[in-house]
Amino acid sequence: MKSVNSFEVTGFIVNDAKVNKFNNASVARFGLSIARTEGKDENKKRTSAILNVEIWRSNKNAADLDLLKKGNRITVKGFFKPEEYTKDDKTVSHIVFAGTEITTGDDEGETPDTTEAK
């Protein structure tokens, strides 16, 4: 069975993306706030989290990185990129949400969650 390593998520950008430019490519890193409401009526509970997203573009195609501003609602498609590094002689593993496609747009009535992510 072939495993699928992909995601599609919509959320609000937490802070303007930090863009690093190199000779041939640029990388943008930013937090994306996502939320989910569960339950009904008085038992409704909204839970939110922040995903750390990384998007690479060749410098000739880096214009869409300018859309990555705080408060913008975007949909990101991409894949999960496992990374490891060593800190204090211990191997640390984490997952990067590596975006390959970005689209913008607003749903009617949806606004950024201004509460702290949990």
Protein backbone atom coordinates (compact mmCIF):
# COMPACT_ATOMS: atom_id res chain seq x y z
CA MET A 1 0.00 0.00 0.00
CA LYS A 2 1.40 3.36 -1.02
CA SER A 3 1.38 6.02 1.70
CA VAL A 4 0.27 9.55 0.95
CA ASN A 5 2.24 12.43 2.39
CA SER A 6 0.17 15.54 1.72
CA PHE A 7 -2.02 18.15 3.39
CA GLU A 8 -4.40 20.98 2.57
CA VAL A 9 -5.23 23.48 5.28
CA THR A 10 -6.90 26.88 5.46
CA GLY A 11 -6.18 29.43 8.14
CA PHE A 12 -5.05 32.93 8.99
CA ILE A 13 -1.43 34.08 8.90
CA VAL A 14 -0.25 34.90 12.42
CA ASN A 15 2.59 37.31 11.54
CA ASP A 16 4.13 38.60 8.31
CA ALA A 17 6.22 35.82 6.79
CA LYS A 18 9.97 35.94 7.33
CA VAL A 19 11.47 35.70 3.84
CA ASN A 20 15.09 34.73 3.28
CA LYS A 21 16.46 35.24 -0.23
CA PHE A 22 19.28 33.17 -1.67
CA ASN A 23 21.00 33.20 -5.09
CA ASN A 24 18.37 31.14 -6.90
CA ALA A 25 15.46 30.75 -4.47
CA SER A 26 13.64 32.28 -1.52
CA VAL A 27 12.02 30.67 1.50
CA ALA A 28 9.13 32.09 3.53
CA ARG A 29 8.39 30.86 7.05
CA PHE A 30 5.24 31.81 8.94
CA GLY A 31 2.67 30.62 11.44
CA LEU A 32 -0.81 29.67 10.23
CA SER A 33 -3.64 29.74 12.77
CA ILE A 34 -6.24 27.02 12.31
CA ALA A 35 -9.36 26.40 14.38
CA ARG A 36 -12.14 23.88 14.85
CA THR A 37 -15.46 24.23 16.65
CA GLU A 38 -16.89 21.11 18.27
CA GLY A 39 -20.11 20.41 20.13
CA LYS A 40 -23.53 21.99 20.02
CA ASP A 41 -25.26 24.94 21.65
CA GLU A 42 -23.91 25.64 25.17
CA ASN A 43 -21.34 22.82 24.80
CA LYS A 44 -19.60 24.45 21.84
CA LYS A 45 -15.86 24.65 22.19
CA ARG A 46 -13.42 26.31 19.77
CA THR A 47 -9.91 24.91 19.73
CA SER A 48 -7.12 26.52 17.76
CA ALA A 49 -3.47 25.81 16.99
CA ILE A 50 -0.63 27.36 15.04
CA LEU A 51 1.17 25.41 12.30
CA ASN A 52 4.67 26.38 11.24
CA VAL A 53 4.70 26.54 7.43
CA GLU A 54 7.65 26.82 5.05
CA ILE A 55 7.33 27.71 1.35
CA TRP A 56 10.17 27.74 -1.18
CA ARG A 57 10.02 29.57 -4.51
CA SER A 58 12.54 30.24 -7.25
CA ASN A 59 13.36 33.94 -7.22
CA LYS A 60 11.62 34.47 -10.56
CA ASN A 61 8.39 33.06 -9.02
CA ALA A 62 8.70 34.60 -5.55
CA ALA A 63 5.98 37.25 -6.04
CA ASP A 64 3.31 35.13 -4.30
CA LEU A 65 5.39 35.27 -1.11
CA ASP A 66 4.29 38.93 -0.88
CA LEU A 67 0.76 37.66 -0.03
CA LEU A 68 1.98 36.19 3.25
CA LYS A 69 0.96 39.06 5.53
CA LYS A 70 -0.54 38.95 9.02
CA GLY A 71 -4.30 38.38 9.01
CA ASN A 72 -4.58 37.15 5.42
CA ARG A 73 -6.67 34.02 5.00
CA ILE A 74 -4.93 31.44 2.81
CA THR A 75 -5.14 27.80 1.84
CA VAL A 76 -1.86 25.92 1.67
CA LYS A 77 -1.32 22.57 -0.03
CA GLY A 78 1.87 20.67 0.50
CA PHE A 79 3.62 17.78 2.16
CA PHE A 80 5.01 16.87 5.59
CA LYS A 81 8.81 17.18 5.72
CA PRO A 82 10.49 15.35 8.62
CA GLU A 83 13.66 17.07 9.82
CA GLU A 84 16.28 16.25 12.43
CA TYR A 85 18.93 18.30 14.13
CA THR A 86 21.24 17.84 17.10
CA LYS A 87 20.92 19.95 20.24
CA ASP A 88 22.88 19.31 23.43
CA ASP A 89 24.09 15.98 21.98
CA LYS A 90 20.49 14.81 21.46
CA THR A 91 18.73 14.25 18.15
CA VAL A 92 15.57 16.32 17.85
CA SER A 93 12.94 15.40 15.26
CA HIS A 94 10.12 17.62 14.07
CA ILE A 95 7.74 17.98 11.14
CA VAL A 96 7.74 20.97 8.79
CA PHE A 97 4.58 21.78 6.84
CA ALA A 98 6.20 22.34 3.43
CA GLY A 99 3.79 24.29 1.24
CA THR A 100 3.81 23.83 -2.52
CA GLU A 101 0.64 25.79 -3.44
CA ILE A 102 -0.95 28.92 -1.96
CA THR A 103 -4.41 30.29 -2.67
CA THR A 104 -6.13 33.26 -1.07
CA GLY A 105 -9.75 34.06 -0.40
CA ASP A 106 -12.28 34.70 2.30
CA ASP A 107 -15.32 32.71 3.33
CA GLU A 108 -18.32 34.79 4.26
CA GLY A 109 -18.34 35.72 7.92
CA GLU A 110 -15.14 33.97 8.94
CA THR A 111 -12.63 36.15 10.75
CA PRO A 112 -9.26 35.50 12.39
CA ASP A 113 -9.37 33.99 15.88
CA THR A 114 -7.98 36.69 18.16
CA THR A 115 -7.66 34.41 21.19
CA GLU A 116 -4.41 32.75 22.05
CA ALA A 117 -3.88 29.36 20.39
CA LYS A 118 -4.04 26.39 22.71
